[in-house]
C-alpha atoms as a PDB file:
ATOM      1  CA  MET A   1       0.000   0.000   0.000  1.00  0.00           C
ATOM      2  CA  GLY A   2       1.034   3.611  -0.173  1.00  0.00           C
ATOM      3  CA  GLN A   3       2.777   5.043   2.809  1.00  0.00           C
ATOM      4  CA  ILE A   4       1.533   7.633   5.252  1.00  0.00           C
ATOM      5  CA  SER A   5       3.838  10.583   5.824  1.00  0.00           C
ATOM      6  CA  VAL A   6       4.801  11.701   9.320  1.00  0.00           C
ATOM      7  CA  ALA A   7       4.969  15.370   8.305  1.00  0.00           C
ATOM      8  CA  PHE A   8       3.276  17.796   5.982  1.00  0.00           C
ATOM      9  CA  PRO A   9       5.472  19.452   3.332  1.00  0.00           C
ATOM     10  CA  ALA A  10       5.924  22.479   5.632  1.00  0.00           C
ATOM     11  CA  GLY A  11       7.289  20.173   8.355  1.00  0.00           C
ATOM     12  CA  GLU A  12       4.499  19.967  10.929  1.00  0.00           C
ATOM     13  CA  GLU A  13       3.513  16.455  12.052  1.00  0.00           C
ATOM     14  CA  THR A  14       0.502  14.747  10.486  1.00  0.00           C
ATOM     15  CA  HIS A  15      -0.270  12.401  13.421  1.00  0.00           C
ATOM     16  CA  PHE A  16      -1.627   9.972  10.823  1.00  0.00           C
ATOM     17  CA  LYS A  17      -0.513   6.898  12.761  1.00  0.00           C
ATOM     18  CA  GLU A  18      -2.371   7.991  15.888  1.00  0.00           C
ATOM     19  CA  LYS A  19      -5.419   9.002  13.832  1.00  0.00           C
ATOM     20  CA  PHE A  20      -5.417   5.655  12.031  1.00  0.00           C
ATOM     21  CA  LEU A  21      -5.074   3.640  15.241  1.00  0.00           C
ATOM     22  CA  SER A  22      -7.805   5.673  16.996  1.00  0.00           C
ATOM     23  CA  GLY A  23     -10.218   5.193  14.080  1.00  0.00           C
ATOM     24  CA  GLU A  24     -10.266   8.895  13.229  1.00  0.00           C
ATOM     25  CA  LYS A  25      -8.615   8.258   9.837  1.00  0.00           C
ATOM     26  CA  LEU A  26     -11.170   6.135   7.973  1.00  0.00           C
ATOM     27  CA  HIS A  27      -9.472   6.252   4.589  1.00  0.00           C
ATOM     28  CA  THR A  28      -6.615   7.559   2.533  1.00  0.00           C
ATOM     29  CA  ILE A  29      -6.831   9.194  -0.861  1.00  0.00           C
ATOM     30  CA  ARG A  30      -4.385   8.349  -3.620  1.00  0.00           C
ATOM     31  CA  ALA A  31      -3.807   9.230  -7.258  1.00  0.00           C
ATOM     32  CA  ASN A  32      -3.899   6.508  -9.949  1.00  0.00           C
ATOM     33  CA  TYR A  33      -7.383   5.083  -9.486  1.00  0.00           C
ATOM     34  CA  PRO A  34      -6.860   2.198 -11.994  1.00  0.00           C
ATOM     35  CA  LEU A  35      -3.838   0.899 -10.052  1.00  0.00           C
ATOM     36  CA  TRP A  36      -5.676   0.994  -6.712  1.00  0.00           C
ATOM     37  CA  GLU A  37      -8.802  -0.562  -8.227  1.00  0.00           C
ATOM     38  CA  LYS A  38      -6.723  -3.606  -9.175  1.00  0.00           C
ATOM     39  CA  ARG A  39      -4.917  -3.787  -5.806  1.00  0.00           C
ATOM     40  CA  ILE A  40      -8.049  -3.420  -3.674  1.00  0.00           C
ATOM     41  CA  LYS A  41      -9.858  -6.066  -5.730  1.00  0.00           C
ATOM     42  CA  GLU A  42      -7.035  -8.464  -4.830  1.00  0.00           C
ATOM     43  CA  VAL A  43      -7.554  -7.659  -1.141  1.00  0.00           C
ATOM     44  CA  GLN A  44     -11.322  -8.075  -1.422  1.00  0.00           C
ATOM     45  CA  ASP A  45     -10.850 -11.419  -3.223  1.00  0.00           C
ATOM     46  CA  GLY A  46      -8.587 -12.652  -0.406  1.00  0.00           C
ATOM     47  CA  ARG A  47      -5.455 -12.789  -2.592  1.00  0.00           C
ATOM     48  CA  ALA A  48      -3.651  -9.899  -0.871  1.00  0.00           C
ATOM     49  CA  ILE A  49      -3.529  -7.811   2.294  1.00  0.00           C
ATOM     50  CA  LEU A  50      -3.337  -4.064   2.667  1.00  0.00           C
ATOM     51  CA  SER A  51      -0.187  -3.072   4.538  1.00  0.00           C
ATOM     52  CA  ILE A  52      -0.497   0.310   6.238  1.00  0.00           C
ATOM     53  CA  ARG A  53       2.944   1.854   6.614  1.00  0.00           C
ATOM     54  CA  GLN A  54       4.422   5.132   7.721  1.00  0.00           C
ATOM     55  CA  TRP A  55       7.650   6.777   6.700  1.00  0.00           C
ATOM     56  CA  THR A  56       9.982   7.295   9.662  1.00  0.00           C
ATOM     57  CA  GLY A  57      11.161  10.594   8.199  1.00  0.00           C
ATOM     58  CA  LYS A  58      11.257  12.176   4.791  1.00  0.00           C
ATOM     59  CA  PRO A  59       9.008  10.373   2.253  1.00  0.00           C
ATOM     60  CA  TYR A  60      10.892   8.121  -0.185  1.00  0.00           C
ATOM     61  CA  ARG A  61      14.144   8.836   1.663  1.00  0.00           C
ATOM     62  CA  SER A  62      13.518   7.091   4.977  1.00  0.00           C
ATOM     63  CA  LYS A  63      12.636   3.689   6.345  1.00  0.00           C
ATOM     64  CA  GLN A  64       9.016   2.546   6.558  1.00  0.00           C
ATOM     65  CA  VAL A  65       7.372   0.931   9.562  1.00  0.00           C
ATOM     66  CA  GLU A  66       4.223  -1.134   9.310  1.00  0.00           C
ATOM     67  CA  ILE A  67       1.309   0.105  11.410  1.00  0.00           C
ATOM     68  CA  ALA A  68      -1.256  -2.566  10.508  1.00  0.00           C
ATOM     69  CA  THR A  69      -2.328  -5.112   7.951  1.00  0.00           C
ATOM     70  CA  LEU A  70      -5.910  -5.156   6.742  1.00  0.00           C
ATOM     71  CA  THR A  71      -8.028  -7.641   4.811  1.00  0.00           C
ATOM     72  CA  ALA A  72     -11.491  -7.695   3.282  1.00  0.00           C
ATOM     73  CA  GLU A  73     -12.810  -8.703   6.717  1.00  0.00           C
ATOM     74  CA  ASN A  74     -11.739  -5.295   8.054  1.00  0.00           C
ATOM     75  CA  GLY A  75     -13.914  -3.678   5.396  1.00  0.00           C
ATOM     76  CA  VAL A  76     -11.157  -2.615   2.999  1.00  0.00           C
ATOM     77  CA  GLY A  77     -12.794  -0.999   0.010  1.00  0.00           C
ATOM     78  CA  LEU A  78     -12.442   1.534  -2.738  1.00  0.00           C
ATOM     79  CA  GLN A  79     -14.471   4.450  -4.037  1.00  0.00           C
ATOM     80  CA  ARG A  80     -13.773   6.664  -7.019  1.00  0.00           C
ATOM     81  CA  LEU A  81     -13.240  10.375  -6.277  1.00  0.00           C
ATOM     82  CA  GLU A  82     -13.565  12.972  -9.006  1.00  0.00           C
ATOM     83  CA  PHE A  83     -13.614  16.754  -9.122  1.00  0.00           C
ATOM     84  CA  THR A  84     -15.874  18.204 -11.807  1.00  0.00           C
ATOM     85  CA  ASP A  85     -14.014  21.475 -12.163  1.00  0.00           C
ATOM     86  CA  CYS A  86     -10.426  20.128 -11.833  1.00  0.00           C
ATOM     87  CA  ARG A  87     -10.108  21.981  -8.544  1.00  0.00           C
ATOM     88  CA  LEU A  88     -10.803  20.717  -5.050  1.00  0.00           C
ATOM     89  CA  ARG A  89     -14.323  22.113  -5.151  1.00  0.00           C
ATOM     90  CA  PHE A  90     -17.269  19.896  -6.034  1.00  0.00           C
ATOM     91  CA  PRO A  91     -15.925  16.448  -5.131  1.00  0.00           C
ATOM     92  CA  TYR A  92     -17.957  13.491  -6.365  1.00  0.00           C
ATOM     93  CA  VAL A  93     -17.672  10.011  -4.907  1.00  0.00           C
ATOM     94  CA  GLY A  94     -19.149   7.661  -7.453  1.00  0.00           C
ATOM     95  CA  SER A  95     -21.995   9.787  -8.797  1.00  0.00           C
ATOM     96  CA  GLU A  96     -22.827  11.595  -5.550  1.00  0.00           C
ATOM     97  CA  TRP A  97     -21.627  15.028  -4.485  1.00  0.00           C
ATOM     98  CA  THR A  98     -19.676  14.839  -1.213  1.00  0.00           C
ATOM     99  CA  SER A  99     -18.622  17.557   1.185  1.00  0.00           C
ATOM    100  CA  MET A 100     -14.947  18.528   1.198  1.00  0.00           C
ATOM    101  CA  VAL A 101     -15.258  18.875   4.972  1.00  0.00           C
ATOM    102  CA  SER A 102     -16.363  15.221   5.272  1.00  0.00           C
ATOM    103  CA  LEU A 103     -13.602  14.018   2.972  1.00  0.00           C
ATOM    104  CA  ALA A 104     -11.003  15.933   4.969  1.00  0.00           C
ATOM    105  CA  LYS A 105     -12.327  14.821   8.374  1.00  0.00           C
ATOM    106  CA  ASN A 106     -12.507  11.153   7.382  1.00  0.00           C
ATOM    107  CA  ASP A 107      -8.999  11.419   5.928  1.00  0.00           C
ATOM    108  CA  GLY A 108      -7.810  12.581   9.355  1.00  0.00           C
ATOM    109  CA  LEU A 109      -7.137  16.178   8.285  1.00  0.00           C
ATOM    110  CA  SER A 110      -8.490  19.648   8.851  1.00  0.00           C
ATOM    111  CA  LEU A 111     -10.024  21.188   5.749  1.00  0.00           C
ATOM    112  CA  ASN A 112      -7.075  23.601   5.399  1.00  0.00           C
ATOM    113  CA  ASP A 113      -4.519  20.774   5.666  1.00  0.00           C
ATOM    114  CA  TRP A 114      -6.516  18.629   3.231  1.00  0.00           C
ATOM    115  CA  VAL A 115      -6.677  21.414   0.647  1.00  0.00           C
ATOM    116  CA  GLY A 116      -2.952  22.055   1.128  1.00  0.00           C
ATOM    117  CA  TRP A 117      -2.117  18.368   0.754  1.00  0.00           C
ATOM    118  CA  PHE A 118      -4.162  17.766  -2.417  1.00  0.00           C
ATOM    119  CA  GLY A 119      -3.917  21.207  -4.001  1.00  0.00           C
ATOM    120  CA  GLY A 120      -0.973  20.182  -6.180  1.00  0.00           C
ATOM    121  CA  TYR A 121      -2.507  16.960  -7.507  1.00  0.00           C
ATOM    122  CA  ASP A 122      -3.721  16.498 -11.082  1.00  0.00           C
ATOM    123  CA  LEU A 123      -7.442  16.658 -10.358  1.00  0.00           C
ATOM    124  CA  SER A 124      -8.432  15.940 -13.950  1.00  0.00           C
ATOM    125  CA  GLU A 125      -7.810  12.249 -13.231  1.00  0.00           C
ATOM    126  CA  PRO A 126      -9.954  10.194 -10.834  1.00  0.00           C
ATOM    127  CA  MET A 127      -8.485   9.484  -7.429  1.00  0.00           C
ATOM    128  CA  ALA A 128      -8.928   6.451  -5.185  1.00  0.00           C
ATOM    129  CA  ILE A 129     -10.478   6.626  -1.732  1.00  0.00           C
ATOM    130  CA  ILE A 130      -9.028   3.561  -0.015  1.00  0.00           C
ATOM    131  CA  HIS A 131     -11.248   2.657   2.923  1.00  0.00           C
ATOM    132  CA  PHE A 132      -9.788   0.980   6.014  1.00  0.00           C
ATOM    133  CA  THR A 133     -13.220   0.114   7.460  1.00  0.00           C
ATOM    134  CA  LYS A 134     -16.729  -0.672   6.214  1.00  0.00           C
ATOM    135  CA  PHE A 135     -17.536   3.056   6.079  1.00  0.00           C
ATOM    136  CA  ARG A 136     -18.546   4.347   2.630  1.00  0.00           C
ATOM    137  CA  TYR A 137     -19.890   7.620   1.314  1.00  0.00           C
END
């Protein structure tokens, strides 16, 4: 699975590990929906597990530690996230409009941090909401 960073680009801590373990972080959002669709199907079919990891320091330049492993029994799932205007406004999960506040909260972030985190992504391509529990939008 993708890794969770310990710090935002500006350097302040994300507390993602604590938020994940407390159940506050219900999902993570990643680019490359087709890749994650394939990977999550493998988990749901019982052919793979989802390994939740965190960088110990700088992303891609530090060691990773595993926080948890999840299976279909945990409720691992996937939803497609799209933005109709190629900006962070008007997020759609599947075919339903969803609040940015809800997306941010369930991703374990404040709205300002969420917008800062995803503001540089290519929003013309669908993103993957990777669910850690049975929760869905």
